[in-house]
């Protein structure tokens, strides 16, 4: 009395995932993921510090040198000179223009000269 199409599907070996009670490789598997592999890095601030390896995948912390590769052009651009505060470098063009003078004081301008 079963439906003819339903029987032919079972004969061919096709069943839905719900019928078999199997998990799929996709959506239902992603629900099981709750452990964290990476956490925030102390040096670069990205969530790239691997908790088991104890190494940042972005900057290479705790290594002394910053992780940097020429095959990643965008990666270099994100953290090159000019992307931060540049506390020292931003005053260089002005200081160069004046010949890196130090210890002098500008002469007072009088009202007559202007």
N, C-alpha and C. Protein backbone atom coordinates (compact mmCIF):
# COMPACT_ATOMS: atom_id res chain seq x y z
N UNK A 1 0.82 -1.21 0.00
CA UNK A 1 0.00 0.00 0.00
C UNK A 1 0.85 1.26 0.00
N UNK A 2 2.18 1.11 0.11
CA UNK A 2 3.07 2.27 0.13
C UNK A 2 3.05 2.98 -1.22
N UNK A 3 3.40 4.22 -1.18
CA UNK A 3 3.44 5.01 -2.42
C UNK A 3 4.51 4.45 -3.35
N UNK A 4 4.23 4.32 -4.64
CA UNK A 4 5.21 3.69 -5.54
C UNK A 4 6.54 4.45 -5.64
N UNK A 5 6.46 5.77 -5.61
CA UNK A 5 7.68 6.56 -5.71
C UNK A 5 8.55 6.41 -4.46
N UNK A 6 7.91 6.35 -3.28
CA UNK A 6 8.64 6.22 -2.03
C UNK A 6 9.38 4.89 -1.97
N UNK A 7 8.70 3.82 -2.47
CA UNK A 7 9.32 2.50 -2.45
C UNK A 7 10.52 2.44 -3.41
N UNK A 8 10.38 3.04 -4.58
CA UNK A 8 11.46 3.02 -5.54
C UNK A 8 12.68 3.79 -5.03
N UNK A 9 12.43 4.84 -4.24
CA UNK A 9 13.54 5.61 -3.68
C UNK A 9 14.31 4.77 -2.67
N UNK A 10 13.60 3.98 -1.86
CA UNK A 10 14.26 3.15 -0.86
C UNK A 10 15.01 2.00 -1.52
N UNK A 11 14.47 1.48 -2.59
CA UNK A 11 15.11 0.39 -3.32
C UNK A 11 16.45 0.87 -3.88
N UNK A 12 16.44 2.11 -4.41
CA UNK A 12 17.67 2.66 -5.00
C UNK A 12 18.70 3.03 -3.94
N UNK A 13 18.30 3.10 -2.65
CA UNK A 13 19.23 3.39 -1.57
C UNK A 13 19.29 4.86 -1.20
N UNK A 14 18.29 5.64 -1.58
CA UNK A 14 18.25 7.05 -1.24
C UNK A 14 17.33 7.28 -0.06
N UNK A 15 17.84 7.95 0.95
CA UNK A 15 17.03 8.32 2.10
C UNK A 15 17.45 9.72 2.52
N UNK A 16 16.54 10.45 3.13
CA UNK A 16 16.89 11.78 3.61
C UNK A 16 17.74 11.64 4.87
N UNK A 17 18.45 12.69 5.20
CA UNK A 17 19.32 12.67 6.38
C UNK A 17 18.51 12.49 7.66
N UNK A 18 17.29 13.05 7.67
CA UNK A 18 16.44 12.95 8.85
C UNK A 18 16.01 11.50 9.08
N UNK A 19 15.74 10.75 7.98
CA UNK A 19 15.32 9.36 8.11
C UNK A 19 16.42 8.50 8.72
N UNK A 20 17.64 8.70 8.28
CA UNK A 20 18.74 7.87 8.75
C UNK A 20 19.26 8.31 10.11
N UNK A 21 18.97 9.56 10.50
CA UNK A 21 19.47 10.09 11.76
C UNK A 21 20.94 10.47 11.67
N UNK A 22 21.47 10.67 10.46
CA UNK A 22 22.88 11.02 10.27
C UNK A 22 23.06 12.54 10.28
N UNK A 23 24.23 12.96 10.68
CA UNK A 23 24.55 14.38 10.62
C UNK A 23 25.16 14.67 9.25
N UNK A 24 24.93 15.85 8.77
CA UNK A 24 25.54 16.24 7.51
C UNK A 24 26.88 16.89 7.79
N UNK A 25 27.63 17.13 6.74
CA UNK A 25 28.94 17.75 6.90
C UNK A 25 28.83 19.25 7.12
N UNK A 26 27.70 19.83 6.78
CA UNK A 26 27.55 21.28 6.79
C UNK A 26 26.90 21.85 8.02
N UNK A 27 25.72 22.42 7.82
CA UNK A 27 25.03 23.23 8.83
C UNK A 27 25.00 22.60 10.21
N UNK A 28 24.57 21.35 10.32
CA UNK A 28 24.41 20.75 11.64
C UNK A 28 25.75 20.53 12.33
N UNK A 29 26.82 20.38 11.56
CA UNK A 29 28.15 20.19 12.16
C UNK A 29 28.68 21.49 12.75
N UNK A 30 28.31 22.62 12.16
CA UNK A 30 28.80 23.91 12.65
C UNK A 30 28.22 24.26 14.02
N UNK A 31 27.10 23.67 14.36
CA UNK A 31 26.48 23.92 15.65
C UNK A 31 27.26 23.34 16.80
N UNK A 32 28.15 22.40 16.51
CA UNK A 32 28.92 21.74 17.57
C UNK A 32 30.17 22.49 17.96
N UNK A 33 30.45 23.57 17.23
CA UNK A 33 31.72 24.27 17.47
C UNK A 33 31.56 25.32 18.56
N UNK A 34 32.11 25.07 19.75
CA UNK A 34 32.10 26.11 20.76
C UNK A 34 33.42 26.40 21.41
N UNK A 35 34.46 25.65 21.11
CA UNK A 35 35.76 25.95 21.72
C UNK A 35 36.49 26.99 20.87
N UNK A 36 37.28 27.82 21.53
CA UNK A 36 37.98 28.88 20.83
C UNK A 36 39.43 28.48 20.55
N UNK A 37 39.84 28.61 19.31
CA UNK A 37 41.21 28.31 18.92
C UNK A 37 42.09 29.52 19.16
N UNK A 38 41.60 30.70 18.78
CA UNK A 38 42.37 31.94 18.87
C UNK A 38 41.75 32.92 19.86
N UNK A 39 42.60 33.71 20.49
CA UNK A 39 42.14 34.78 21.36
C UNK A 39 42.92 36.05 21.02
N UNK A 40 42.63 37.14 21.69
CA UNK A 40 43.25 38.43 21.37
C UNK A 40 44.75 38.42 21.65
N UNK A 41 45.51 38.98 20.71
CA UNK A 41 46.96 39.06 20.85
C UNK A 41 47.34 40.32 21.62
N UNK A 42 48.34 40.22 22.48
CA UNK A 42 48.78 41.36 23.30
C UNK A 42 49.48 42.41 22.46
N UNK A 43 50.14 42.00 21.37
CA UNK A 43 50.93 42.94 20.59
C UNK A 43 50.11 43.61 19.49
N UNK A 44 49.40 42.83 18.68
CA UNK A 44 48.71 43.44 17.52
C UNK A 44 47.23 43.67 17.78
N UNK A 45 46.66 43.06 18.82
CA UNK A 45 45.27 43.30 19.16
C UNK A 45 44.26 42.51 18.34
N UNK A 46 44.74 41.69 17.42
CA UNK A 46 43.83 40.89 16.60
C UNK A 46 43.51 39.59 17.33
N UNK A 47 42.37 38.98 16.99
CA UNK A 47 42.01 37.70 17.59
C UNK A 47 42.73 36.61 16.79
N UNK A 48 44.05 36.56 16.94
CA UNK A 48 44.89 35.66 16.15
C UNK A 48 45.89 34.88 17.00
N UNK A 49 45.82 35.03 18.30
CA UNK A 49 46.77 34.33 19.17
C UNK A 49 46.27 32.92 19.42
N UNK A 50 47.00 31.91 18.94
CA UNK A 50 46.60 30.51 19.06
C UNK A 50 46.83 30.03 20.48
N UNK A 51 45.76 29.55 21.12
CA UNK A 51 45.83 29.21 22.53
C UNK A 51 46.69 27.98 22.81
N UNK A 52 46.71 27.00 21.91
CA UNK A 52 47.54 25.82 22.14
C UNK A 52 48.98 26.03 21.70
N UNK A 53 49.15 26.67 20.56
CA UNK A 53 50.51 26.92 20.05
C UNK A 53 51.19 28.06 20.78
N UNK A 54 50.41 28.95 21.39
CA UNK A 54 50.91 30.15 22.09
C UNK A 54 51.69 31.06 21.14
N UNK A 55 51.22 31.19 19.91
CA UNK A 55 51.86 32.04 18.90
C UNK A 55 50.75 32.79 18.16
N UNK A 56 50.99 34.06 17.86
CA UNK A 56 50.02 34.85 17.10
C UNK A 56 50.22 34.56 15.61
N UNK A 57 49.14 34.25 14.92
CA UNK A 57 49.22 33.93 13.50
C UNK A 57 49.33 35.19 12.65
N UNK A 58 49.09 36.35 13.25
CA UNK A 58 49.16 37.60 12.49
C UNK A 58 50.51 38.28 12.64
N UNK A 59 50.96 38.48 13.89
CA UNK A 59 52.20 39.24 14.09
C UNK A 59 53.37 38.38 14.55
N UNK A 60 53.11 37.12 14.92
CA UNK A 60 54.19 36.23 15.32
C UNK A 60 54.60 36.33 16.78
N UNK A 61 53.86 37.11 17.59
CA UNK A 61 54.14 37.21 19.02
C UNK A 61 54.11 35.81 19.62
N UNK A 62 55.01 35.42 20.51
CA UNK A 62 55.98 36.19 21.27
C UNK A 62 57.35 36.34 20.59
N UNK A 63 57.46 36.07 19.32
CA UNK A 63 58.73 36.26 18.62
C UNK A 63 59.15 37.71 18.63
N UNK A 64 60.45 37.95 18.70
CA UNK A 64 60.96 39.32 18.80
C UNK A 64 60.66 40.13 17.53
N UNK A 65 60.72 39.47 16.37
CA UNK A 65 60.48 40.17 15.11
C UNK A 65 59.02 40.06 14.71
N UNK A 66 58.52 41.11 14.09
CA UNK A 66 57.15 41.11 13.59
C UNK A 66 57.03 40.17 12.39
N UNK A 67 55.97 39.40 12.34
CA UNK A 67 55.74 38.48 11.22
C UNK A 67 55.38 39.32 10.00
N UNK A 68 56.12 39.09 8.90
CA UNK A 68 55.96 39.94 7.72
C UNK A 68 56.46 39.19 6.49
N UNK A 69 55.64 39.12 5.46
CA UNK A 69 56.00 38.40 4.24
C UNK A 69 55.67 39.24 3.02
N UNK A 70 56.56 39.21 2.04
CA UNK A 70 56.35 39.99 0.83
C UNK A 70 55.28 39.41 -0.08
N UNK A 71 54.90 38.14 0.13
CA UNK A 71 53.85 37.57 -0.71
C UNK A 71 52.48 38.11 -0.34
N UNK A 72 52.37 38.77 0.80
CA UNK A 72 51.10 39.37 1.19
C UNK A 72 51.22 40.88 1.11
N UNK A 73 50.86 41.42 -0.04
CA UNK A 73 51.01 42.86 -0.26
C UNK A 73 50.06 43.66 0.64
N UNK A 74 48.85 43.17 0.78
CA UNK A 74 47.87 43.86 1.64
C UNK A 74 48.29 43.81 3.10
N UNK A 75 48.84 42.68 3.52
CA UNK A 75 49.29 42.52 4.90
C UNK A 75 50.38 43.53 5.25
N UNK A 76 51.29 43.79 4.30
CA UNK A 76 52.34 44.78 4.51
C UNK A 76 51.74 46.17 4.61
N UNK A 77 50.77 46.44 3.74
CA UNK A 77 50.14 47.76 3.67
C UNK A 77 49.39 48.10 4.96
N UNK A 78 48.82 47.07 5.59
CA UNK A 78 48.02 47.30 6.80
C UNK A 78 48.87 47.75 7.98
N UNK A 79 50.13 47.32 8.01
CA UNK A 79 50.94 47.63 9.20
C UNK A 79 52.28 48.26 8.89
N UNK A 80 52.37 49.03 7.82
CA UNK A 80 53.63 49.66 7.46
C UNK A 80 53.74 51.04 8.10
N UNK A 81 54.84 51.75 7.83
CA UNK A 81 55.02 53.10 8.36
C UNK A 81 53.89 53.99 7.87
N UNK A 82 53.37 54.80 8.77
CA UNK A 82 52.29 55.71 8.38
C UNK A 82 50.92 55.22 8.77
N UNK A 83 50.81 54.00 9.31
CA UNK A 83 49.51 53.51 9.71
C UNK A 83 49.25 53.74 11.20
N UNK A 84 50.29 54.17 11.92
CA UNK A 84 50.14 54.43 13.36
C UNK A 84 50.23 55.91 13.66
N UNK A 85 50.68 56.24 14.87
CA UNK A 85 50.76 57.65 15.28
C UNK A 85 51.93 58.38 14.66
N UNK A 86 53.02 57.67 14.39
CA UNK A 86 54.25 58.25 13.82
C UNK A 86 54.76 59.41 14.67
N UNK A 87 54.88 59.20 15.98
CA UNK A 87 55.28 60.26 16.91
C UNK A 87 56.59 60.91 16.50
N UNK A 88 57.52 60.13 15.98
CA UNK A 88 58.82 60.67 15.60
C UNK A 88 58.81 61.13 14.14
N UNK A 89 58.31 60.29 13.26
CA UNK A 89 58.42 60.53 11.83
C UNK A 89 57.59 61.71 11.32
N UNK A 90 56.50 62.04 12.02
CA UNK A 90 55.64 63.09 11.47
C UNK A 90 56.27 64.48 11.57
N UNK A 91 57.27 64.62 12.43
CA UNK A 91 57.92 65.93 12.55
C UNK A 91 59.17 66.04 11.66
N UNK A 92 59.55 64.96 10.98
CA UNK A 92 60.79 64.95 10.20
C UNK A 92 60.81 65.92 9.02
N UNK A 93 59.76 66.00 8.19
CA UNK A 93 59.82 66.93 7.05
C UNK A 93 60.07 68.38 7.48
N UNK A 94 59.41 68.79 8.57
CA UNK A 94 59.57 70.15 9.08
C UNK A 94 60.98 70.38 9.62
N UNK A 95 61.49 69.41 10.36
CA UNK A 95 62.83 69.53 10.92
C UNK A 95 63.90 69.51 9.83
N UNK A 96 63.67 68.72 8.79
CA UNK A 96 64.61 68.65 7.67
C UNK A 96 64.66 69.99 6.94
N UNK A 97 63.49 70.58 6.76
CA UNK A 97 63.37 71.87 6.07
C UNK A 97 64.20 72.95 6.79
N UNK A 98 64.24 72.85 8.11
CA UNK A 98 64.98 73.84 8.90
C UNK A 98 66.40 73.40 9.23
N UNK A 99 66.86 72.35 8.62
CA UNK A 99 68.25 71.90 8.83
C UNK A 99 68.51 71.27 10.17
N UNK A 100 67.50 70.67 10.77
CA UNK A 100 67.62 69.98 12.07
C UNK A 100 68.26 70.88 13.14
N UNK A 101 67.86 72.14 13.17
CA UNK A 101 68.41 73.08 14.17
C UNK A 101 67.84 72.74 15.54
N UNK A 102 68.65 72.95 16.57
CA UNK A 102 68.22 72.70 17.94
C UNK A 102 68.83 73.73 18.86
N UNK A 103 68.15 74.01 19.95
CA UNK A 103 68.67 74.92 20.98
C UNK A 103 68.63 76.38 20.60
N UNK A 104 67.91 76.76 19.57
CA UNK A 104 67.81 78.18 19.19
C UNK A 104 66.39 78.64 19.44
N UNK A 105 66.22 79.99 19.40
CA UNK A 105 64.89 80.54 19.61
C UNK A 105 64.62 81.57 18.52
N UNK A 106 63.40 81.61 18.05
CA UNK A 106 63.03 82.53 16.98
C UNK A 106 63.13 83.96 17.47
N UNK A 107 63.54 84.89 16.58
CA UNK A 107 63.64 86.31 16.93
C UNK A 107 62.25 86.89 17.04
N UNK A 108 62.08 87.81 18.00
CA UNK A 108 60.78 88.45 18.18
C UNK A 108 60.50 89.39 17.05
N UNK A 109 59.28 89.29 16.52
CA UNK A 109 58.88 90.19 15.42
C UNK A 109 58.28 91.44 16.00
N UNK A 110 58.70 92.62 15.44
CA UNK A 110 58.15 93.89 15.90
C UNK A 110 56.98 94.30 15.01
N UNK A 111 56.15 95.19 15.49
CA UNK A 111 54.97 95.64 14.75
C UNK A 111 55.36 96.42 13.51
N UNK A 112 56.50 97.08 13.52
CA UNK A 112 56.94 97.91 12.38
C UNK A 112 57.33 97.05 11.18
N UNK A 113 57.90 95.89 11.43
CA UNK A 113 58.37 95.07 10.31
C UNK A 113 57.23 94.40 9.54
N UNK A 114 56.07 94.20 10.16
CA UNK A 114 54.96 93.54 9.49
C UNK A 114 53.99 94.48 8.81
